[in-house]
Amino acid sequence: MAVQEVDAQAQAEAGAMGLEELLSLPATVNVTTAGRALGIGRDKAYELVRSGRFPVRTLPLGRTVRVPTAELWRLLGIEPRRGVEAEV
């Protein structure tokens, strides 16, 4: 098995997102997905949102909270592919 395949398999088993999955996210995501992108669990992600310490801006919309994907990308140092940025 190639090293990249092993890394992808290890990421999948850990629940972490790979680059392709990060780049395919919609314009906003829920807190659980944002936490997964950052490598933190659901409960910790919601705790950080409630305390105002989530590492990127959150958008409270009624009873739900959304997280802008472009801000996750910036925090993670990810440059979107051409054409993707215009959609965000």
C-alpha atoms as a PDB file:
ATOM      1  CA  MET A   1       0.000   0.000   0.000  1.00  0.00           C
ATOM      2  CA  ALA A   2       1.319   3.478  -0.877  1.00  0.00           C
ATOM      3  CA  VAL A   3       2.106   5.991   1.870  1.00  0.00           C
ATOM      4  CA  GLN A   4      -0.709   8.308   0.705  1.00  0.00           C
ATOM      5  CA  GLU A   5      -3.203   5.445   0.917  1.00  0.00           C
ATOM      6  CA  VAL A   6      -2.048   4.617   4.444  1.00  0.00           C
ATOM      7  CA  ASP A   7      -2.360   8.299   5.483  1.00  0.00           C
ATOM      8  CA  ALA A   8      -5.862   8.535   3.989  1.00  0.00           C
ATOM      9  CA  GLN A   9      -6.888   5.332   5.731  1.00  0.00           C
ATOM     10  CA  ALA A  10      -5.517   6.557   9.077  1.00  0.00           C
ATOM     11  CA  GLN A  11      -7.361   9.875   8.663  1.00  0.00           C
ATOM     12  CA  ALA A  12     -10.617   8.119   7.873  1.00  0.00           C
ATOM     13  CA  GLU A  13     -10.277   5.862  10.899  1.00  0.00           C
ATOM     14  CA  ALA A  14      -9.567   8.873  13.130  1.00  0.00           C
ATOM     15  CA  GLY A  15     -12.545  10.768  11.706  1.00  0.00           C
ATOM     16  CA  ALA A  16     -10.258  13.495  10.328  1.00  0.00           C
ATOM     17  CA  MET A  17     -10.855  15.101   6.948  1.00  0.00           C
ATOM     18  CA  GLY A  18      -8.491  14.909   4.042  1.00  0.00           C
ATOM     19  CA  LEU A  19      -7.735  17.810   1.718  1.00  0.00           C
ATOM     20  CA  GLU A  20     -10.197  16.710  -0.979  1.00  0.00           C
ATOM     21  CA  GLU A  21     -13.024  16.430   1.542  1.00  0.00           C
ATOM     22  CA  LEU A  22     -12.176  19.848   3.009  1.00  0.00           C
ATOM     23  CA  LEU A  23     -12.187  21.425  -0.442  1.00  0.00           C
ATOM     24  CA  SER A  24     -15.548  19.877  -1.290  1.00  0.00           C
ATOM     25  CA  LEU A  25     -17.370  21.332   1.726  1.00  0.00           C
ATOM     26  CA  PRO A  26     -20.311  23.676   1.059  1.00  0.00           C
ATOM     27  CA  ALA A  27     -20.119  27.412   1.871  1.00  0.00           C
ATOM     28  CA  THR A  28     -21.134  26.804   5.491  1.00  0.00           C
ATOM     29  CA  VAL A  29     -21.077  23.682   7.630  1.00  0.00           C
ATOM     30  CA  ASN A  30     -22.540  22.651  10.961  1.00  0.00           C
ATOM     31  CA  VAL A  31     -20.479  22.706  14.155  1.00  0.00           C
ATOM     32  CA  THR A  32     -19.911  18.945  14.119  1.00  0.00           C
ATOM     33  CA  THR A  33     -18.425  19.062  10.612  1.00  0.00           C
ATOM     34  CA  ALA A  34     -16.323  22.136  11.445  1.00  0.00           C
ATOM     35  CA  GLY A  35     -15.001  20.385  14.534  1.00  0.00           C
ATOM     36  CA  ARG A  36     -14.138  17.329  12.491  1.00  0.00           C
ATOM     37  CA  ALA A  37     -12.265  19.543  10.005  1.00  0.00           C
ATOM     38  CA  LEU A  38     -10.267  20.923  12.934  1.00  0.00           C
ATOM     39  CA  GLY A  39      -9.695  17.529  14.505  1.00  0.00           C
ATOM     40  CA  ILE A  40     -11.856  18.128  17.574  1.00  0.00           C
ATOM     41  CA  GLY A  41     -14.857  16.173  18.756  1.00  0.00           C
ATOM     42  CA  ARG A  42     -18.494  17.211  18.595  1.00  0.00           C
ATOM     43  CA  ASP A  43     -18.894  17.910  22.318  1.00  0.00           C
ATOM     44  CA  LYS A  44     -15.711  20.003  22.499  1.00  0.00           C
ATOM     45  CA  ALA A  45     -16.715  21.942  19.372  1.00  0.00           C
ATOM     46  CA  TYR A  46     -20.101  22.851  20.852  1.00  0.00           C
ATOM     47  CA  GLU A  47     -18.468  23.733  24.182  1.00  0.00           C
ATOM     48  CA  LEU A  48     -16.136  26.146  22.364  1.00  0.00           C
ATOM     49  CA  VAL A  49     -19.072  27.694  20.470  1.00  0.00           C
ATOM     50  CA  ARG A  50     -21.085  28.178  23.688  1.00  0.00           C
ATOM     51  CA  SER A  51     -18.116  29.799  25.430  1.00  0.00           C
ATOM     52  CA  GLY A  52     -17.343  32.056  22.447  1.00  0.00           C
ATOM     53  CA  ARG A  53     -13.916  30.432  21.983  1.00  0.00           C
ATOM     54  CA  PHE A  54     -14.453  28.548  18.708  1.00  0.00           C
ATOM     55  CA  PRO A  55     -11.380  29.374  16.588  1.00  0.00           C
ATOM     56  CA  VAL A  56     -13.390  30.868  13.698  1.00  0.00           C
ATOM     57  CA  ARG A  57     -16.504  32.999  13.419  1.00  0.00           C
ATOM     58  CA  THR A  58     -19.798  31.176  13.883  1.00  0.00           C
ATOM     59  CA  LEU A  59     -23.187  32.148  12.496  1.00  0.00           C
ATOM     60  CA  PRO A  60     -26.081  31.584  14.885  1.00  0.00           C
ATOM     61  CA  LEU A  61     -29.241  31.059  12.827  1.00  0.00           C
ATOM     62  CA  GLY A  62     -32.174  30.431  15.117  1.00  0.00           C
ATOM     63  CA  ARG A  63     -31.572  27.143  16.905  1.00  0.00           C
ATOM     64  CA  THR A  64     -28.683  26.150  14.671  1.00  0.00           C
ATOM     65  CA  VAL A  65     -25.115  27.380  14.256  1.00  0.00           C
ATOM     66  CA  ARG A  66     -23.236  27.409  10.960  1.00  0.00           C
ATOM     67  CA  VAL A  67     -19.511  27.876  10.343  1.00  0.00           C
ATOM     68  CA  PRO A  68     -18.166  29.561   7.173  1.00  0.00           C
ATOM     69  CA  THR A  69     -16.003  27.064   5.294  1.00  0.00           C
ATOM     70  CA  ALA A  70     -13.735  29.793   3.895  1.00  0.00           C
ATOM     71  CA  GLU A  71     -12.741  30.708   7.455  1.00  0.00           C
ATOM     72  CA  LEU A  72     -11.921  27.083   8.240  1.00  0.00           C
ATOM     73  CA  TRP A  73      -9.757  26.962   5.117  1.00  0.00           C
ATOM     74  CA  ARG A  74      -7.897  30.136   6.167  1.00  0.00           C
ATOM     75  CA  LEU A  75      -7.287  28.793   9.674  1.00  0.00           C
ATOM     76  CA  LEU A  76      -5.976  25.519   8.249  1.00  0.00           C
ATOM     77  CA  GLY A  77      -3.836  27.296   5.631  1.00  0.00           C
ATOM     78  CA  ILE A  78      -5.735  25.782   2.718  1.00  0.00           C
ATOM     79  CA  GLU A  79      -5.849  27.591  -0.602  1.00  0.00           C
ATOM     80  CA  PRO A  80      -9.020  26.725  -2.514  1.00  0.00           C
ATOM     81  CA  ARG A  81      -8.693  25.685  -6.125  1.00  0.00           C
ATOM     82  CA  ARG A  82      -9.580  28.225  -8.811  1.00  0.00           C
ATOM     83  CA  GLY A  83     -13.317  28.441  -9.239  1.00  0.00           C
ATOM     84  CA  VAL A  84     -14.017  27.104  -5.746  1.00  0.00           C
ATOM     85  CA  GLU A  85     -13.299  30.419  -4.031  1.00  0.00           C
ATOM     86  CA  ALA A  86     -15.850  32.250  -6.169  1.00  0.00           C
ATOM     87  CA  GLU A  87     -18.556  29.871  -4.958  1.00  0.00           C
ATOM     88  CA  VAL A  88     -17.773  30.609  -1.298  1.00  0.00           C
END
